[in-house]
Amino acid sequence: MTPLKNIILDAIKKEDSYNPNWTEIQSFRWLLDTALRSKSYDYEKYGAIYALKEFFMGIGIHIPIWTEEIKSLGYDETTYWENLALTVLSEVD
């Protein structure tokens, strides 16, 4: 099973604004800032976890999104989105 941290970092590296000199923490902070700016209403109304889930489900970054892909990675599609959000938050704190 590929760790969610690696899936997210690989997706960050595909982004146009990615800087190859960033540390892992800087990469996750960039993602958190980008996601919360993109989903500012959701963040203010429902909090960071909800906003991050919405960002990921809205294909805010190039991560596996289809149920078949998620299952093939060994993850449960019902908890995948929240686990992605929690991974980001745990990496920046």
PDB file of N, CA and C in Angstrom:
ATOM      1  N   MET A   1       0.854  -1.181   0.000  1.00  0.00           N
ATOM      2  CA  MET A   1       0.000   0.000   0.000  1.00  0.00           C
ATOM      3  C   MET A   1       0.901   1.245   0.000  1.00  0.00           C
ATOM      4  N   THR A   2       0.713   2.099  -0.966  1.00  0.00           N
ATOM      5  CA  THR A   2       1.461   3.347  -1.038  1.00  0.00           C
ATOM      6  C   THR A   2       0.953   4.296   0.043  1.00  0.00           C
ATOM      7  N   PRO A   3       1.850   4.808   0.895  1.00  0.00           N
ATOM      8  CA  PRO A   3       1.385   5.740   1.939  1.00  0.00           C
ATOM      9  C   PRO A   3       0.737   6.987   1.330  1.00  0.00           C
ATOM     10  N   LEU A   4      -0.307   7.480   1.987  1.00  0.00           N
ATOM     11  CA  LEU A   4      -0.983   8.683   1.504  1.00  0.00           C
ATOM     12  C   LEU A   4      -0.024   9.860   1.406  1.00  0.00           C
ATOM     13  N   LYS A   5       0.908   9.941   2.322  1.00  0.00           N
ATOM     14  CA  LYS A   5       1.906  11.013   2.289  1.00  0.00           C
ATOM     15  C   LYS A   5       2.632  11.018   0.941  1.00  0.00           C
ATOM     16  N   ASN A   6       3.023   9.849   0.466  1.00  0.00           N
ATOM     17  CA  ASN A   6       3.734   9.753  -0.817  1.00  0.00           C
ATOM     18  C   ASN A   6       2.833  10.098  -1.995  1.00  0.00           C
ATOM     19  N   ILE A   7       1.579   9.670  -1.924  1.00  0.00           N
ATOM     20  CA  ILE A   7       0.621   9.988  -2.990  1.00  0.00           C
ATOM     21  C   ILE A   7       0.461  11.502  -3.096  1.00  0.00           C
ATOM     22  N   ILE A   8       0.328  12.148  -1.950  1.00  0.00           N
ATOM     23  CA  ILE A   8       0.145  13.602  -1.940  1.00  0.00           C
ATOM     24  C   ILE A   8       1.401  14.314  -2.427  1.00  0.00           C
ATOM     25  N   LEU A   9       2.561  13.890  -1.945  1.00  0.00           N
ATOM     26  CA  LEU A   9       3.810  14.535  -2.380  1.00  0.00           C
ATOM     27  C   LEU A   9       4.028  14.371  -3.886  1.00  0.00           C
ATOM     28  N   ASP A  10       3.740  13.196  -4.414  1.00  0.00           N
ATOM     29  CA  ASP A  10       3.872  12.989  -5.867  1.00  0.00           C
ATOM     30  C   ASP A  10       2.938  13.918  -6.635  1.00  0.00           C
ATOM     31  N   ALA A  11       1.735  14.119  -6.109  1.00  0.00           N
ATOM     32  CA  ALA A  11       0.775  15.016  -6.760  1.00  0.00           C
ATOM     33  C   ALA A  11       1.244  16.465  -6.699  1.00  0.00           C
ATOM     34  N   ILE A  12       1.803  16.865  -5.572  1.00  0.00           N
ATOM     35  CA  ILE A  12       2.316  18.234  -5.431  1.00  0.00           C
ATOM     36  C   ILE A  12       3.410  18.494  -6.459  1.00  0.00           C
ATOM     37  N   LYS A  13       4.259  17.509  -6.673  1.00  0.00           N
ATOM     38  CA  LYS A  13       5.379  17.665  -7.617  1.00  0.00           C
ATOM     39  C   LYS A  13       4.904  17.852  -9.053  1.00  0.00           C
ATOM     40  N   LYS A  14       3.669  17.479  -9.352  1.00  0.00           N
ATOM     41  CA  LYS A  14       3.121  17.650 -10.700  1.00  0.00           C
ATOM     42  C   LYS A  14       2.518  19.037 -10.920  1.00  0.00           C
ATOM     43  N   GLU A  15       2.398  19.806  -9.862  1.00  0.00           N
ATOM     44  CA  GLU A  15       1.781  21.129  -9.960  1.00  0.00           C
ATOM     45  C   GLU A  15       2.742  22.142 -10.586  1.00  0.00           C
ATOM     46  N   ASP A  16       2.196  23.062 -11.364  1.00  0.00           N
ATOM     47  CA  ASP A  16       3.006  24.080 -12.035  1.00  0.00           C
ATOM     48  C   ASP A  16       3.779  24.943 -11.055  1.00  0.00           C
ATOM     49  N   SER A  17       3.192  25.226  -9.915  1.00  0.00           N
ATOM     50  CA  SER A  17       3.848  26.121  -8.954  1.00  0.00           C
ATOM     51  C   SER A  17       4.789  25.385  -7.996  1.00  0.00           C
ATOM     52  N   TYR A  18       5.006  24.092  -8.231  1.00  0.00           N
ATOM     53  CA  TYR A  18       5.911  23.325  -7.371  1.00  0.00           C
ATOM     54  C   TYR A  18       7.344  23.836  -7.524  1.00  0.00           C
ATOM     55  N   ASN A  19       8.008  23.967  -6.395  1.00  0.00           N
ATOM     56  CA  ASN A  19       9.413  24.372  -6.362  1.00  0.00           C
ATOM     57  C   ASN A  19      10.233  23.169  -5.914  1.00  0.00           C
ATOM     58  N   PRO A  20      11.135  22.661  -6.767  1.00  0.00           N
ATOM     59  CA  PRO A  20      11.899  21.466  -6.406  1.00  0.00           C
ATOM     60  C   PRO A  20      12.815  21.655  -5.191  1.00  0.00           C
ATOM     61  N   ASN A  21      12.985  22.869  -4.761  1.00  0.00           N
ATOM     62  CA  ASN A  21      13.817  23.129  -3.582  1.00  0.00           C
ATOM     63  C   ASN A  21      13.025  23.068  -2.271  1.00  0.00           C
ATOM     64  N   TRP A  22      11.712  22.878  -2.365  1.00  0.00           N
ATOM     65  CA  TRP A  22      10.887  22.798  -1.158  1.00  0.00           C
ATOM     66  C   TRP A  22      11.201  21.540  -0.362  1.00  0.00           C
ATOM     67  N   THR A  23      11.135  21.664   0.942  1.00  0.00           N
ATOM     68  CA  THR A  23      11.178  20.492   1.809  1.00  0.00           C
ATOM     69  C   THR A  23       9.788  19.856   1.794  1.00  0.00           C
ATOM     70  N   GLU A  24       9.666  18.685   2.401  1.00  0.00           N
ATOM     71  CA  GLU A  24       8.353  18.053   2.474  1.00  0.00           C
ATOM     72  C   GLU A  24       7.370  18.944   3.231  1.00  0.00           C
ATOM     73  N   ILE A  25       7.811  19.536   4.321  1.00  0.00           N
ATOM     74  CA  ILE A  25       6.924  20.398   5.109  1.00  0.00           C
ATOM     75  C   ILE A  25       6.489  21.603   4.291  1.00  0.00           C
ATOM     76  N   GLN A  26       7.406  22.207   3.558  1.00  0.00           N
ATOM     77  CA  GLN A  26       7.045  23.350   2.723  1.00  0.00           C
ATOM     78  C   GLN A  26       6.036  22.936   1.649  1.00  0.00           C
ATOM     79  N   SER A  27       6.206  21.747   1.108  1.00  0.00           N
ATOM     80  CA  SER A  27       5.260  21.246   0.103  1.00  0.00           C
ATOM     81  C   SER A  27       3.874  21.083   0.698  1.00  0.00           C
ATOM     82  N   PHE A  28       3.797  20.495   1.874  1.00  0.00           N
ATOM     83  CA  PHE A  28       2.495  20.311   2.521  1.00  0.00           C
ATOM     84  C   PHE A  28       1.896  21.653   2.940  1.00  0.00           C
ATOM     85  N   ARG A  29       2.714  22.584   3.370  1.00  0.00           N
ATOM     86  CA  ARG A  29       2.186  23.914   3.725  1.00  0.00           C
ATOM     87  C   ARG A  29       1.640  24.617   2.497  1.00  0.00           C
ATOM     88  N   TRP A  30       2.340  24.487   1.363  1.00  0.00           N
ATOM     89  CA  TRP A  30       1.842  25.078   0.118  1.00  0.00           C
ATOM     90  C   TRP A  30       0.470  24.485  -0.217  1.00  0.00           C
ATOM     91  N   LEU A  31       0.358  23.165  -0.109  1.00  0.00           N
ATOM     92  CA  LEU A  31      -0.908  22.505  -0.415  1.00  0.00           C
ATOM     93  C   LEU A  31      -2.011  22.977   0.526  1.00  0.00           C
ATOM     94  N   LEU A  32      -1.715  23.051   1.801  1.00  0.00           N
ATOM     95  CA  LEU A  32      -2.721  23.493   2.767  1.00  0.00           C
ATOM     96  C   LEU A  32      -3.170  24.917   2.465  1.00  0.00           C
ATOM     97  N   ASP A  33      -2.230  25.807   2.222  1.00  0.00           N
ATOM     98  CA  ASP A  33      -2.575  27.201   1.897  1.00  0.00           C
ATOM     99  C   ASP A  33      -3.419  27.275   0.623  1.00  0.00           C
ATOM    100  N   THR A  34      -3.006  26.538  -0.394  1.00  0.00           N
ATOM    101  CA  THR A  34      -3.726  26.535  -1.665  1.00  0.00           C
ATOM    102  C   THR A  34      -5.147  25.999  -1.490  1.00  0.00           C
ATOM    103  N   ALA A  35      -5.263  24.896  -0.787  1.00  0.00           N
ATOM    104  CA  ALA A  35      -6.573  24.274  -0.593  1.00  0.00           C
ATOM    105  C   ALA A  35      -7.507  25.169   0.221  1.00  0.00           C
ATOM    106  N   LEU A  36      -6.990  25.747   1.294  1.00  0.00           N
ATOM    107  CA  LEU A  36      -7.860  26.560   2.150  1.00  0.00           C
ATOM    108  C   LEU A  36      -8.240  27.880   1.490  1.00  0.00           C
ATOM    109  N   ARG A  37      -7.372  28.412   0.639  1.00  0.00           N
ATOM    110  CA  ARG A  37      -7.732  29.602  -0.137  1.00  0.00           C
ATOM    111  C   ARG A  37      -8.803  29.237  -1.161  1.00  0.00           C
ATOM    112  N   SER A  38      -8.622  28.104  -1.802  1.00  0.00           N
ATOM    113  CA  SER A  38      -9.568  27.654  -2.819  1.00  0.00           C
ATOM    114  C   SER A  38     -10.936  27.355  -2.222  1.00  0.00           C
ATOM    115  N   LYS A  39     -10.946  26.842  -1.032  1.00  0.00           N
ATOM    116  CA  LYS A  39     -12.188  26.448  -0.360  1.00  0.00           C
ATOM    117  C   LYS A  39     -12.408  27.293   0.893  1.00  0.00           C
ATOM    118  N   SER A  40     -12.206  28.597   0.785  1.00  0.00           N
ATOM    119  CA  SER A  40     -12.270  29.481   1.955  1.00  0.00           C
ATOM    120  C   SER A  40     -13.648  29.465   2.616  1.00  0.00           C
ATOM    121  N   TYR A  41     -14.711  29.409   1.824  1.00  0.00           N
ATOM    122  CA  TYR A  41     -16.056  29.369   2.412  1.00  0.00           C
ATOM    123  C   TYR A  41     -16.223  28.097   3.250  1.00  0.00           C
ATOM    124  N   ASP A  42     -15.859  26.960   2.661  1.00  0.00           N
ATOM    125  CA  ASP A  42     -15.971  25.690   3.381  1.00  0.00           C
ATOM    126  C   ASP A  42     -15.112  25.696   4.640  1.00  0.00           C
ATOM    127  N   TYR A  43     -13.928  26.272   4.532  1.00  0.00           N
ATOM    128  CA  TYR A  43     -13.022  26.336   5.676  1.00  0.00           C
ATOM    129  C   TYR A  43     -13.629  27.164   6.807  1.00  0.00           C
ATOM    130  N   GLU A  44     -14.145  28.341   6.463  1.00  0.00           N
ATOM    131  CA  GLU A  44     -14.722  29.216   7.489  1.00  0.00           C
ATOM    132  C   GLU A  44     -15.993  28.624   8.095  1.00  0.00           C
ATOM    133  N   LYS A  45     -16.781  27.950   7.281  1.00  0.00           N
ATOM    134  CA  LYS A  45     -18.060  27.421   7.767  1.00  0.00           C
ATOM    135  C   LYS A  45     -17.925  26.060   8.456  1.00  0.00           C
ATOM    136  N   TYR A  46     -17.065  25.173   7.911  1.00  0.00           N
ATOM    137  CA  TYR A  46     -17.015  23.793   8.397  1.00  0.00           C
ATOM    138  C   TYR A  46     -15.654  23.333   8.932  1.00  0.00           C
ATOM    139  N   GLY A  47     -14.595  24.103   8.675  1.00  0.00           N
ATOM    140  CA  GLY A  47     -13.282  23.730   9.199  1.00  0.00           C
ATOM    141  C   GLY A  47     -12.347  23.149   8.150  1.00  0.00           C
ATOM    142  N   ALA A  48     -11.112  22.920   8.571  1.00  0.00           N
ATOM    143  CA  ALA A  48     -10.034  22.521   7.667  1.00  0.00           C
ATOM    144  C   ALA A  48     -10.234  21.128   7.075  1.00  0.00           C
ATOM    145  N   ILE A  49     -10.671  20.172   7.871  1.00  0.00           N
ATOM    146  CA  ILE A  49     -10.818  18.807   7.349  1.00  0.00           C
ATOM    147  C   ILE A  49     -11.855  18.783   6.228  1.00  0.00           C
ATOM    148  N   TYR A  50     -12.993  19.401   6.458  1.00  0.00           N
ATOM    149  CA  TYR A  50     -14.037  19.446   5.439  1.00  0.00           C
ATOM    150  C   TYR A  50     -13.541  20.159   4.183  1.00  0.00           C
ATOM    151  N   ALA A  51     -12.879  21.296   4.358  1.00  0.00           N
ATOM    152  CA  ALA A  51     -12.386  22.058   3.207  1.00  0.00           C
ATOM    153  C   ALA A  51     -11.360  21.257   2.410  1.00  0.00           C
ATOM    154  N   LEU A  52     -10.473  20.563   3.095  1.00  0.00           N
ATOM    155  CA  LEU A  52      -9.478  19.743   2.401  1.00  0.00           C
ATOM    156  C   LEU A  52     -10.142  18.588   1.656  1.00  0.00           C
ATOM    157  N   LYS A  53     -11.121  17.932   2.278  1.00  0.00           N
ATOM    158  CA  LYS A  53     -11.848  16.859   1.597  1.00  0.00           C
ATOM    159  C   LYS A  53     -12.498  17.384   0.322  1.00  0.00           C
ATOM    160  N   GLU A  54     -13.138  18.536   0.409  1.00  0.00           N
ATOM    161  CA  GLU A  54     -13.781  19.129  -0.759  1.00  0.00           C
ATOM    162  C   GLU A  54     -12.754  19.476  -1.842  1.00  0.00           C
ATOM    163  N   PHE A  55     -11.620  19.975  -1.426  1.00  0.00           N
ATOM    164  CA  PHE A  55     -10.547  20.312  -2.358  1.00  0.00           C
ATOM    165  C   PHE A  55     -10.087  19.054  -3.103  1.00  0.00           C
ATOM    166  N   PHE A  56      -9.817  17.995  -2.362  1.00  0.00           N
ATOM    167  CA  PHE A  56      -9.362  16.755  -2.989  1.00  0.00           C
ATOM    168  C   PHE A  56     -10.440  16.151  -3.886  1.00  0.00           C
ATOM    169  N   MET A  57     -11.680  16.111  -3.420  1.00  0.00           N
ATOM    170  CA  MET A  57     -12.768  15.521  -4.213  1.00  0.00           C
ATOM    171  C   MET A  57     -13.069  16.355  -5.460  1.00  0.00           C
ATOM    172  N   GLY A  58     -12.743  17.635  -5.407  1.00  0.00           N
ATOM    173  CA  GLY A  58     -12.941  18.511  -6.558  1.00  0.00           C
ATOM    174  C   GLY A  58     -11.751  18.519  -7.496  1.00  0.00           C
ATOM    175  N   ILE A  59     -10.868  17.550  -7.324  1.00  0.00           N
ATOM    176  CA  ILE A  59      -9.670  17.384  -8.150  1.00  0.00           C
ATOM    177  C   ILE A  59      -8.801  18.647  -8.098  1.00  0.00           C
ATOM    178  N   GLY A  60      -8.605  19.157  -6.883  1.00  0.00           N
ATOM    179  CA  GLY A  60      -7.752  20.325  -6.699  1.00  0.00           C
ATOM    180  C   GLY A  60      -6.286  20.027  -6.945  1.00  0.00           C
ATOM    181  N   ILE A  61      -5.951  18.759  -6.923  1.00  0.00           N
ATOM    182  CA  ILE A  61      -4.571  18.311  -7.151  1.00  0.00           C
ATOM    183  C   ILE A  61      -4.661  16.914  -7.770  1.00  0.00           C
ATOM    184  N   HIS A  62      -3.636  16.502  -8.460  1.00  0.00           N
ATOM    185  CA  HIS A  62      -3.657  15.258  -9.240  1.00  0.00           C
ATOM    186  C   HIS A  62      -3.426  14.024  -8.377  1.00  0.00           C
ATOM    187  N   ILE A  63      -4.462  13.607  -7.668  1.00  0.00           N
ATOM    188  CA  ILE A  63      -4.414  12.393  -6.866  1.00  0.00           C
ATOM    189  C   ILE A  63      -5.385  11.381  -7.447  1.00  0.00           C
ATOM    190  N   PRO A  64      -5.235  10.102  -7.111  1.00  0.00           N
ATOM    191  CA  PRO A  64      -6.230   9.128  -7.564  1.00  0.00           C
ATOM    192  C   PRO A  64      -7.610   9.488  -7.015  1.00  0.00           C
ATOM    193  N   ILE A  65      -8.604   9.539  -7.902  1.00  0.00           N
ATOM    194  CA  ILE A  65      -9.941   9.963  -7.468  1.00  0.00           C
ATOM    195  C   ILE A  65     -11.024   8.922  -7.722  1.00  0.00           C
ATOM    196  N   TRP A  66     -10.779   7.992  -8.608  1.00  0.00           N
ATOM    197  CA  TRP A  66     -11.804   7.012  -8.966  1.00  0.00           C
ATOM    198  C   TRP A  66     -11.796   5.868  -7.961  1.00  0.00           C
ATOM    199  N   THR A  67     -12.973   5.347  -7.679  1.00  0.00           N
ATOM    200  CA  THR A  67     -13.124   4.267  -6.696  1.00  0.00           C
ATOM    201  C   THR A  67     -12.190   3.102  -7.003  1.00  0.00           C
ATOM    202  N   GLU A  68     -12.101   2.714  -8.255  1.00  0.00           N
ATOM    203  CA  GLU A  68     -11.236   1.589  -8.638  1.00  0.00           C
ATOM    204  C   GLU A  68      -9.770   1.887  -8.311  1.00  0.00           C
ATOM    205  N   GLU A  69      -9.328   3.121  -8.590  1.00  0.00           N
ATOM    206  CA  GLU A  69      -7.947   3.507  -8.278  1.00  0.00           C
ATOM    207  C   GLU A  69      -7.701   3.475  -6.775  1.00  0.00           C
ATOM    208  N   ILE A  70      -8.642   4.013  -6.034  1.00  0.00           N
ATOM    209  CA  ILE A  70      -8.521   4.077  -4.578  1.00  0.00           C
ATOM    210  C   ILE A  70      -8.431   2.671  -4.003  1.00  0.00           C
ATOM    211  N   LYS A  71      -9.308   1.783  -4.456  1.00  0.00           N
ATOM    212  CA  LYS A  71      -9.298   0.399  -3.976  1.00  0.00           C
ATOM    213  C   LYS A  71      -8.016  -0.323  -4.389  1.00  0.00           C
ATOM    214  N   SER A  72      -7.531  -0.045  -5.606  1.00  0.00           N
ATOM    215  CA  SER A  72      -6.311  -0.724  -6.067  1.00  0.00           C
ATOM    216  C   SER A  72      -5.093  -0.298  -5.254  1.00  0.00           C
ATOM    217  N   LEU A  73      -5.171   0.872  -4.646  1.00  0.00           N
ATOM    218  CA  LEU A  73      -4.083   1.328  -3.769  1.00  0.00           C
ATOM    219  C   LEU A  73      -4.206   0.739  -2.367  1.00  0.00           C
ATOM    220  N   GLY A  74      -5.331   0.071  -2.110  1.00  0.00           N
ATOM    221  CA  GLY A  74      -5.537  -0.564  -0.823  1.00  0.00           C
ATOM    222  C   GLY A  74      -6.295   0.275   0.183  1.00  0.00           C
ATOM    223  N   TYR A  75      -6.966   1.315  -0.290  1.00  0.00           N
ATOM    224  CA  TYR A  75      -7.703   2.209   0.609  1.00  0.00           C
ATOM    225  C   TYR A  75      -9.203   2.006   0.476  1.00  0.00           C
ATOM    226  N   ASP A  76      -9.902   2.345   1.530  1.00  0.00           N
ATOM    227  CA  ASP A  76     -11.362   2.298   1.557  1.00  0.00           C
ATOM    228  C   ASP A  76     -11.877   3.627   1.009  1.00  0.00           C
ATOM    229  N   GLU A  77     -12.702   3.551  -0.023  1.00  0.00           N
ATOM    230  CA  GLU A  77     -13.170   4.783  -0.669  1.00  0.00           C
ATOM    231  C   GLU A  77     -14.047   5.632   0.236  1.00  0.00           C
ATOM    232  N   THR A  78     -14.578   5.067   1.307  1.00  0.00           N
ATOM    233  CA  THR A  78     -15.425   5.860   2.213  1.00  0.00           C
ATOM    234  C   THR A  78     -14.617   6.690   3.204  1.00  0.00           C
ATOM    235  N   THR A  79     -13.370   6.305   3.441  1.00  0.00           N
ATOM    236  CA  THR A  79     -12.534   7.053   4.395  1.00  0.00           C
ATOM    237  C   THR A  79     -11.338   7.726   3.724  1.00  0.00           C
ATOM    238  N   TYR A  80     -11.127   7.443   2.470  1.00  0.00           N
ATOM    239  CA  TYR A  80      -9.967   7.941   1.719  1.00  0.00           C
ATOM    240  C   TYR A  80      -9.823   9.459   1.782  1.00  0.00           C
ATOM    241  N   TRP A  81     -10.904  10.172   1.516  1.00  0.00           N
ATOM    242  CA  TRP A  81     -10.840  11.635   1.433  1.00  0.00           C
ATOM    243  C   TRP A  81     -10.488  12.258   2.771  1.00  0.00           C
ATOM    244  N   GLU A  82     -11.102  11.764   3.826  1.00  0.00           N
ATOM    245  CA  GLU A  82     -10.791  12.288   5.154  1.00  0.00           C
ATOM    246  C   GLU A  82      -9.366  11.926   5.559  1.00  0.00           C
ATOM    247  N   ASN A  83      -8.923  10.736   5.198  1.00  0.00           N
ATOM    248  CA  ASN A  83      -7.553  10.340   5.515  1.00  0.00           C
ATOM    249  C   ASN A  83      -6.530  11.201   4.778  1.00  0.00           C
ATOM    250  N   LEU A  84      -6.842  11.595   3.548  1.00  0.00           N
ATOM    251  CA  LEU A  84      -5.964  12.527   2.829  1.00  0.00           C
ATOM    252  C   LEU A  84      -5.883  13.846   3.595  1.00  0.00           C
ATOM    253  N   ALA A  85      -7.028  14.361   4.008  1.00  0.00           N
ATOM    254  CA  ALA A  85      -7.068  15.625   4.734  1.00  0.00           C
ATOM    255  C   ALA A  85      -6.276  15.528   6.047  1.00  0.00           C
ATOM    256  N   LEU A  86      -6.471  14.461   6.768  1.00  0.00           N
ATOM    257  CA  LEU A  86      -5.760  14.273   8.034  1.00  0.00           C
ATOM    258  C   LEU A  86      -4.256  14.117   7.825  1.00  0.00           C
ATOM    259  N   THR A  87      -3.871  13.501   6.714  1.00  0.00           N
ATOM    260  CA  THR A  87      -2.444  13.379   6.397  1.00  0.00           C
ATOM    261  C   THR A  87      -1.819  14.741   6.188  1.00  0.00           C
ATOM    262  N   VAL A  88      -2.480  15.600   5.436  1.00  0.00           N
ATOM    263  CA  VAL A  88      -1.960  16.955   5.203  1.00  0.00           C
ATOM    264  C   VAL A  88      -1.821  17.683   6.527  1.00  0.00           C
ATOM    265  N   LEU A  89      -2.858  17.655   7.344  1.00  0.00           N
ATOM    266  CA  LEU A  89      -2.828  18.370   8.618  1.00  0.00           C
ATOM    267  C   LEU A  89      -1.746  17.824   9.559  1.00  0.00           C
ATOM    268  N   SER A  90      -1.534  16.525   9.536  1.00  0.00           N
ATOM    269  CA  SER A  90      -0.504  15.961  10.412  1.00  0.00           C
ATOM    270  C   SER A  90       0.905  16.308   9.949  1.00  0.00           C
ATOM    271  N   GLU A  91       1.071  16.555   8.672  1.00  0.00           N
ATOM    272  CA  GLU A  91       2.395  16.881   8.133  1.00  0.00           C
ATOM    273  C   GLU A  91       2.780  18.343   8.343  1.00  0.00           C
ATOM    274  N   VAL A  92       1.809  19.212   8.528  1.00  0.00           N
ATOM    275  CA  VAL A  92       2.140  20.631   8.719  1.00  0.00           C
ATOM    276  C   VAL A  92       2.147  21.035  10.174  1.00  0.00           C
ATOM    277  N   ASP A  93       1.661  20.192  11.034  1.00  0.00           N
ATOM    278  CA  ASP A  93       1.600  20.537  12.458  1.00  0.00           C
ATOM    279  C   ASP A  93       2.813  20.027  13.193  1.00  0.00           C
TER     280      ASP A  93
END
